[in-house]
Amino acid sequence: MFDVITITGTIFIVIGVGFAAVRTGAFSTSDMGTLGKFVVNFALPALILRAVSSQPIHDIANVGYLGAVLVGSLAVFWFGYFWSRQISKESPSASTFSAMGMSCANTGFVGFPILLIALPEVASQALALNMIVENLVMIPLVLIMAERAQGQGISGGKLAKQIATRLLRNPIVIALILGLGISALGLRLPTVFVRPIDMFASASAALSLTVIGGTLASLQINEIKWPVLRITLGKLLLHPLAVALSLLGMSLIGFDVGDDRLFAAAIIMAATPVMAIYPILAQRYGEERNASLAMFTMTAASFVTLSITLSIVWG
């Protein structure tokens, strides 16, 4: 258990540094926004490009892992949407972001740093696999649902083109596609390109965690109510459980992930808080208040839930 606390403690100390930096005035909220842009546009894409391009294509085409993460995440997404829409009677837009909060993990900013400490042998592979599901399925699904919820009357073809254009301009998606192409062709990047990519990628973990802490420092927490708690519980408890059950289900039908460390990595990734772009994306559709509060609540609570998850699947 001490080893588990050492891992989660390391992550949350770095988050705490970012939190303290903003609260003490060493950095402003706008400074954290600038650092966040650097991470999203340079450090994280470099990390993804390195992770994906360095993996043999047969490791990336791990049907058991991809299927389990996809099925588990979609199951929680639709459960969250149904609960919000049908039981809590929330708007389609609010229901969409409630569902996103439960089903989209922070694999790049939190999950990967944890795996680098706990399961370094499979950290890059797990990151690559999760990014495929998140960027090619989950985020497009959220965008489609959110755009339709706005009732803008956009035709299906125009909406698909709009979302595809937005995604193809995203540095993370560009890095993912490039990495998949390099892996599929069996290419090796020249050292003159590898070294800058490594430099940017190496900055990702510390900077991303610091940005999370700094972002949380600017939030108000006096409005935490049941919808926020429901999203938090869904993300930290239901999502990893759904992925674990999906892993077992994929194994039963003949699609085992092939490595116990990958099995554990998938559950750990799902047990992380919601992805960092959650409140930013929700802001476009007027749902930023609950999204920001949910991110704050689940980040704080995840110190306990992640420690428990690690102790079960790794410790």
Protein backbone atom coordinates (compact mmCIF):
# COMPACT_ATOMS: atom_id res chain seq x y z
CA MET A 1 0.00 0.00 0.00
CA PHE A 2 2.93 2.33 0.69
CA ASP A 3 4.08 1.91 -2.92
CA VAL A 4 0.59 2.83 -4.13
CA ILE A 5 0.47 5.98 -2.00
CA THR A 6 3.94 6.87 -3.27
CA ILE A 7 2.65 6.78 -6.85
CA THR A 8 -0.57 8.73 -6.30
CA GLY A 9 1.20 11.05 -3.86
CA THR A 10 3.76 11.96 -6.51
CA ILE A 11 1.02 12.85 -8.99
CA PHE A 12 -0.98 14.92 -6.54
CA ILE A 13 2.07 16.75 -5.19
CA VAL A 14 2.72 18.05 -8.70
CA ILE A 15 -0.97 18.99 -9.03
CA GLY A 16 -0.65 20.71 -5.65
CA VAL A 17 2.32 22.73 -6.91
CA GLY A 18 0.18 24.13 -9.71
CA PHE A 19 -2.66 24.82 -7.27
CA ALA A 20 -0.32 26.66 -4.87
CA ALA A 21 1.35 28.57 -7.70
CA VAL A 22 -1.96 30.21 -8.64
CA ARG A 23 -3.21 30.70 -5.09
CA THR A 24 0.04 32.40 -4.03
CA GLY A 25 0.19 34.57 -7.13
CA ALA A 26 3.36 33.04 -8.57
CA PHE A 27 1.31 32.29 -11.69
CA SER A 28 -2.00 33.75 -12.80
CA THR A 29 -4.96 31.85 -14.21
CA SER A 30 -4.10 33.24 -17.65
CA ASP A 31 -0.54 31.93 -17.23
CA MET A 32 -1.98 28.46 -16.67
CA GLY A 33 -4.08 28.91 -19.77
CA THR A 34 -0.92 29.63 -21.76
CA LEU A 35 0.84 26.60 -20.29
CA GLY A 36 -2.24 24.52 -21.07
CA LYS A 37 -2.13 25.63 -24.70
CA PHE A 38 1.53 24.61 -24.86
CA VAL A 39 0.70 21.18 -23.49
CA VAL A 40 -2.29 20.63 -25.79
CA ASN A 41 -0.65 21.99 -28.94
CA PHE A 42 2.94 20.79 -28.52
CA ALA A 43 3.83 18.57 -25.55
CA LEU A 44 0.87 16.16 -25.63
CA PRO A 45 0.85 15.76 -29.45
CA ALA A 46 4.60 15.04 -29.30
CA LEU A 47 3.98 12.47 -26.57
CA ILE A 48 1.23 10.80 -28.61
CA LEU A 49 3.31 10.83 -31.81
CA ARG A 50 6.20 9.21 -29.97
CA ALA A 51 3.98 6.68 -28.21
CA VAL A 52 2.08 5.61 -31.34
CA SER A 53 4.92 5.67 -33.88
CA SER A 54 7.20 3.66 -31.59
CA GLN A 55 4.67 0.82 -31.25
CA PRO A 56 4.52 -2.03 -33.79
CA ILE A 57 1.19 -1.90 -35.60
CA HIS A 58 0.17 -5.30 -34.19
CA ASP A 59 0.50 -3.87 -30.67
CA ILE A 60 -1.70 -0.91 -31.58
CA ALA A 61 -4.25 -3.22 -33.20
CA ASN A 62 -4.97 -4.88 -29.85
CA VAL A 63 -8.64 -5.75 -30.39
CA GLY A 64 -9.16 -6.88 -26.81
CA TYR A 65 -7.92 -3.63 -25.31
CA LEU A 66 -9.54 -1.32 -27.87
CA GLY A 67 -12.83 -3.21 -27.69
CA ALA A 68 -12.94 -3.21 -23.89
CA VAL A 69 -12.18 0.50 -23.55
CA LEU A 70 -14.66 1.34 -26.31
CA VAL A 71 -17.49 -0.84 -25.01
CA GLY A 72 -16.94 0.17 -21.38
CA SER A 73 -16.78 3.88 -22.21
CA LEU A 74 -19.82 3.81 -24.51
CA ALA A 75 -21.84 1.87 -21.93
CA VAL A 76 -21.11 4.46 -19.25
CA PHE A 77 -21.73 7.32 -21.69
CA TRP A 78 -25.19 6.08 -22.61
CA PHE A 79 -26.00 5.20 -19.01
CA GLY A 80 -25.00 8.72 -17.93
CA TYR A 81 -27.02 10.29 -20.73
CA PHE A 82 -30.10 8.18 -19.99
CA TRP A 83 -29.96 8.93 -16.26
CA SER A 84 -29.55 12.67 -16.79
CA ARG A 85 -32.16 12.94 -19.52
CA GLN A 86 -34.85 10.48 -18.40
CA ILE A 87 -34.51 10.37 -14.62
CA SER A 88 -33.07 13.77 -13.69
CA LYS A 89 -34.94 15.49 -16.57
CA GLU A 90 -31.95 17.58 -17.59
CA SER A 91 -31.60 19.24 -20.99
CA PRO A 92 -30.02 17.34 -23.91
CA SER A 93 -26.94 19.56 -23.68
CA ALA A 94 -26.54 19.07 -19.93
CA SER A 95 -27.11 15.33 -20.34
CA THR A 96 -24.44 15.14 -23.04
CA PHE A 97 -21.78 16.69 -20.81
CA SER A 98 -22.91 14.71 -17.81
CA ALA A 99 -22.32 11.59 -19.91
CA MET A 100 -18.95 12.87 -21.13
CA GLY A 101 -17.85 13.58 -17.57
CA MET A 102 -18.53 9.96 -16.63
CA SER A 103 -16.91 8.29 -19.63
CA CYS A 104 -13.92 10.28 -20.95
CA ALA A 105 -10.75 9.69 -18.93
CA ASN A 106 -7.75 11.97 -18.46
CA THR A 107 -5.34 9.47 -19.98
CA GLY A 108 -2.77 11.95 -21.23
CA PHE A 109 -2.50 14.29 -18.24
CA VAL A 110 -3.03 11.86 -15.33
CA GLY A 111 -3.18 8.26 -16.56
CA PHE A 112 0.09 8.28 -18.49
CA PRO A 113 2.16 9.84 -15.65
CA ILE A 114 0.77 7.20 -13.28
CA LEU A 115 1.59 4.37 -15.67
CA LEU A 116 5.10 5.75 -16.17
CA ILE A 117 5.67 5.05 -12.48
CA ALA A 118 3.54 1.93 -11.96
CA LEU A 119 3.70 0.12 -15.31
CA PRO A 120 6.37 1.81 -17.46
CA GLU A 121 6.69 -1.20 -19.79
CA VAL A 122 3.18 -0.71 -21.20
CA ALA A 123 2.61 3.00 -20.53
CA SER A 124 3.20 4.16 -24.11
CA GLN A 125 1.15 1.33 -25.61
CA ALA A 126 -1.77 1.98 -23.27
CA LEU A 127 -1.64 5.71 -24.03
CA ALA A 128 -1.70 5.03 -27.78
CA LEU A 129 -4.65 2.64 -27.50
CA ASN A 130 -6.69 4.94 -25.26
CA MET A 131 -6.04 7.95 -27.48
CA ILE A 132 -7.39 6.05 -30.48
CA VAL A 133 -10.70 5.40 -28.70
CA GLU A 134 -10.97 8.87 -27.19
CA ASN A 135 -10.06 10.93 -30.25
CA LEU A 136 -11.66 8.83 -32.96
CA VAL A 137 -14.87 7.82 -31.14
CA MET A 138 -15.64 9.49 -27.81
CA ILE A 139 -14.87 13.14 -28.60
CA PRO A 140 -16.63 13.02 -32.01
CA LEU A 141 -19.64 11.42 -30.29
CA VAL A 142 -19.75 14.22 -27.71
CA LEU A 143 -19.48 16.87 -30.42
CA ILE A 144 -22.28 15.29 -32.46
CA MET A 145 -24.57 15.05 -29.43
CA ALA A 146 -23.74 18.59 -28.28
CA GLU A 147 -24.31 20.15 -31.71
CA ARG A 148 -27.64 18.36 -32.10
CA ALA A 149 -28.65 19.44 -28.59
CA GLN A 150 -28.18 23.06 -29.61
CA GLY A 151 -30.93 22.59 -32.18
CA GLN A 152 -29.12 24.59 -34.82
CA GLY A 153 -30.83 22.72 -37.64
CA ILE A 154 -27.58 21.67 -39.28
CA SER A 155 -28.00 18.80 -41.73
CA GLY A 156 -26.31 15.50 -41.04
CA GLY A 157 -23.78 15.87 -43.85
CA LYS A 158 -22.88 19.44 -42.93
CA LEU A 159 -22.58 18.53 -39.25
CA ALA A 160 -20.29 15.59 -40.06
CA LYS A 161 -18.11 17.84 -42.24
CA GLN A 162 -17.96 20.51 -39.53
CA ILE A 163 -16.92 18.02 -36.85
CA ALA A 164 -14.43 16.26 -39.13
CA THR A 165 -12.82 19.60 -40.02
CA ARG A 166 -12.55 20.55 -36.35
CA LEU A 167 -11.00 17.21 -35.46
CA LEU A 168 -8.52 17.22 -38.35
CA ARG A 169 -7.24 20.60 -37.19
CA ASN A 170 -6.65 19.27 -33.68
CA PRO A 171 -2.89 18.78 -33.06
CA ILE A 172 -3.60 15.67 -30.97
CA VAL A 173 -5.59 14.04 -33.79
CA ILE A 174 -2.93 15.05 -36.33
CA ALA A 175 -0.23 13.47 -34.14
CA LEU A 176 -2.34 10.34 -33.72
CA ILE A 177 -2.88 9.93 -37.48
CA LEU A 178 0.81 10.57 -38.23
CA GLY A 179 1.86 8.08 -35.56
CA LEU A 180 -0.49 5.42 -36.91
CA GLY A 181 0.85 5.98 -40.43
CA ILE A 182 4.47 5.70 -39.32
CA SER A 183 3.70 2.56 -37.33
CA ALA A 184 1.72 0.93 -40.16
CA LEU A 185 4.50 1.59 -42.67
CA GLY A 186 7.19 0.38 -40.29
CA LEU A 187 9.15 3.64 -40.66
CA ARG A 188 11.74 5.04 -38.29
CA LEU A 189 12.00 8.79 -37.92
CA PRO A 190 15.45 10.35 -38.37
CA THR A 191 17.24 11.35 -35.17
CA VAL A 192 17.00 15.02 -36.12
CA PHE A 193 13.20 14.71 -35.72
CA VAL A 194 13.18 12.21 -32.85
CA ARG A 195 15.13 14.41 -30.45
CA PRO A 196 12.86 17.49 -30.64
CA ILE A 197 9.81 15.23 -30.31
CA ASP A 198 11.37 13.64 -27.22
CA MET A 199 12.08 17.06 -25.72
CA PHE A 200 8.50 18.23 -26.15
CA ALA A 201 7.09 14.88 -25.00
CA SER A 202 9.24 14.86 -21.86
CA ALA A 203 7.68 18.16 -20.80
CA SER A 204 4.17 16.75 -20.97
CA ALA A 205 3.77 14.96 -17.63
CA ALA A 206 4.99 17.66 -15.22
CA LEU A 207 3.45 20.56 -17.13
CA SER A 208 0.07 18.90 -17.62
CA LEU A 209 -0.29 18.05 -13.93
CA THR A 210 0.79 21.56 -12.95
CA VAL A 211 -1.81 23.02 -15.31
CA ILE A 212 -4.53 20.85 -13.77
CA GLY A 213 -3.64 22.15 -10.30
CA GLY A 214 -3.55 25.74 -11.48
CA THR A 215 -6.90 25.37 -13.22
CA LEU A 216 -8.51 23.91 -10.10
CA ALA A 217 -7.23 26.83 -8.01
CA SER A 218 -9.44 29.23 -9.94
CA LEU A 219 -12.67 27.28 -9.41
CA GLN A 220 -15.39 28.01 -6.88
CA ILE A 221 -16.49 24.91 -4.95
CA ASN A 222 -19.48 26.23 -3.01
CA GLU A 223 -22.00 25.05 -5.61
CA ILE A 224 -21.30 21.32 -5.56
CA LYS A 225 -24.67 19.58 -5.75
CA TRP A 226 -26.05 16.16 -6.69
CA PRO A 227 -25.53 16.44 -10.47
CA VAL A 228 -21.84 17.11 -9.87
CA LEU A 229 -21.57 14.25 -7.39
CA ARG A 230 -23.37 11.93 -9.81
CA ILE A 231 -20.84 12.71 -12.55
CA THR A 232 -17.99 12.20 -10.09
CA LEU A 233 -19.26 8.84 -8.88
CA GLY A 234 -19.93 7.70 -12.43
CA LYS A 235 -16.43 8.58 -13.57
CA LEU A 236 -14.38 7.32 -10.64
CA LEU A 237 -16.37 4.16 -9.83
CA LEU A 238 -18.61 3.15 -12.73
CA HIS A 239 -16.19 3.79 -15.61
CA PRO A 240 -13.32 1.61 -14.32
CA LEU A 241 -15.81 -1.10 -13.34
CA ALA A 242 -17.36 -1.06 -16.83
CA VAL A 243 -13.94 -1.28 -18.50
CA ALA A 244 -12.91 -4.14 -16.19
CA LEU A 245 -16.08 -6.08 -17.03
CA SER A 246 -15.55 -5.37 -20.73
CA LEU A 247 -11.99 -6.69 -20.52
CA LEU A 248 -13.32 -9.91 -19.03
CA GLY A 249 -16.05 -10.06 -21.68
CA MET A 250 -13.57 -9.58 -24.53
CA SER A 251 -11.41 -12.32 -23.04
CA LEU A 252 -14.37 -14.71 -22.90
CA ILE A 253 -15.08 -14.26 -26.61
CA GLY A 254 -11.44 -14.83 -27.55
CA PHE A 255 -9.97 -11.32 -27.57
CA ASP A 256 -7.67 -11.28 -24.58
CA VAL A 257 -5.37 -8.26 -24.26
CA GLY A 258 -2.44 -10.67 -24.01
CA ASP A 259 -0.68 -9.02 -21.07
CA ASP A 260 -1.78 -8.70 -17.45
CA ARG A 261 -0.02 -5.33 -17.27
CA LEU A 262 -2.16 -4.01 -20.13
CA PHE A 263 -5.26 -5.39 -18.39
CA ALA A 264 -4.33 -3.37 -15.29
CA ALA A 265 -3.38 -0.30 -17.36
CA ALA A 266 -6.81 -0.13 -19.01
CA ILE A 267 -8.55 -0.09 -15.63
CA ILE A 268 -6.14 2.47 -14.18
CA MET A 269 -6.69 4.74 -17.18
CA ALA A 270 -10.46 4.49 -16.75
CA ALA A 271 -10.15 5.30 -13.03
CA THR A 272 -8.59 8.72 -13.72
CA PRO A 273 -10.65 11.92 -13.55
CA VAL A 274 -12.28 13.37 -16.66
CA MET A 275 -10.10 14.68 -19.50
CA ALA A 276 -8.74 18.20 -19.07
CA ILE A 277 -10.63 19.66 -22.06
CA TYR A 278 -13.96 18.77 -20.44
CA PRO A 279 -14.84 22.21 -19.01
CA ILE A 280 -13.36 23.96 -22.06
CA LEU A 281 -15.53 21.95 -24.44
CA ALA A 282 -18.57 22.30 -22.18
CA GLN A 283 -18.13 26.09 -22.13
CA ARG A 284 -18.94 26.27 -25.85
CA TYR A 285 -22.40 24.92 -25.06
CA GLY A 286 -23.10 26.79 -21.80
CA GLU A 287 -22.43 23.81 -19.50
CA GLU A 288 -19.10 24.91 -18.00
CA ARG A 289 -20.29 25.44 -14.40
CA ASN A 290 -21.12 21.82 -13.59
CA ALA A 291 -18.23 20.60 -15.76
CA SER A 292 -15.68 22.68 -13.85
CA LEU A 293 -17.10 21.70 -10.48
CA ALA A 294 -17.17 18.03 -11.48
CA MET A 295 -13.54 18.18 -12.59
CA PHE A 296 -12.56 19.75 -9.29
CA THR A 297 -14.51 17.24 -7.22
CA MET A 298 -13.34 14.13 -9.05
CA THR A 299 -9.70 15.27 -9.14
CA ALA A 300 -9.73 15.70 -5.37
CA ALA A 301 -11.61 12.44 -4.76
CA SER A 302 -9.44 10.48 -7.18
CA PHE A 303 -6.52 10.54 -4.75
CA VAL A 304 -8.50 8.00 -2.73
CA THR A 305 -10.19 6.10 -5.57
CA LEU A 306 -7.03 5.87 -7.70
CA SER A 307 -5.07 4.60 -4.70
CA ILE A 308 -7.70 1.91 -4.13
CA THR A 309 -7.75 0.99 -7.82
CA LEU A 310 -3.96 0.73 -7.93
CA SER A 311 -3.89 -1.41 -4.81
CA ILE A 312 -6.39 -3.82 -6.40
CA VAL A 313 -5.04 -4.15 -9.95
CA TRP A 314 -1.35 -3.42 -9.36
CA GLY A 315 -0.38 -3.32 -5.70
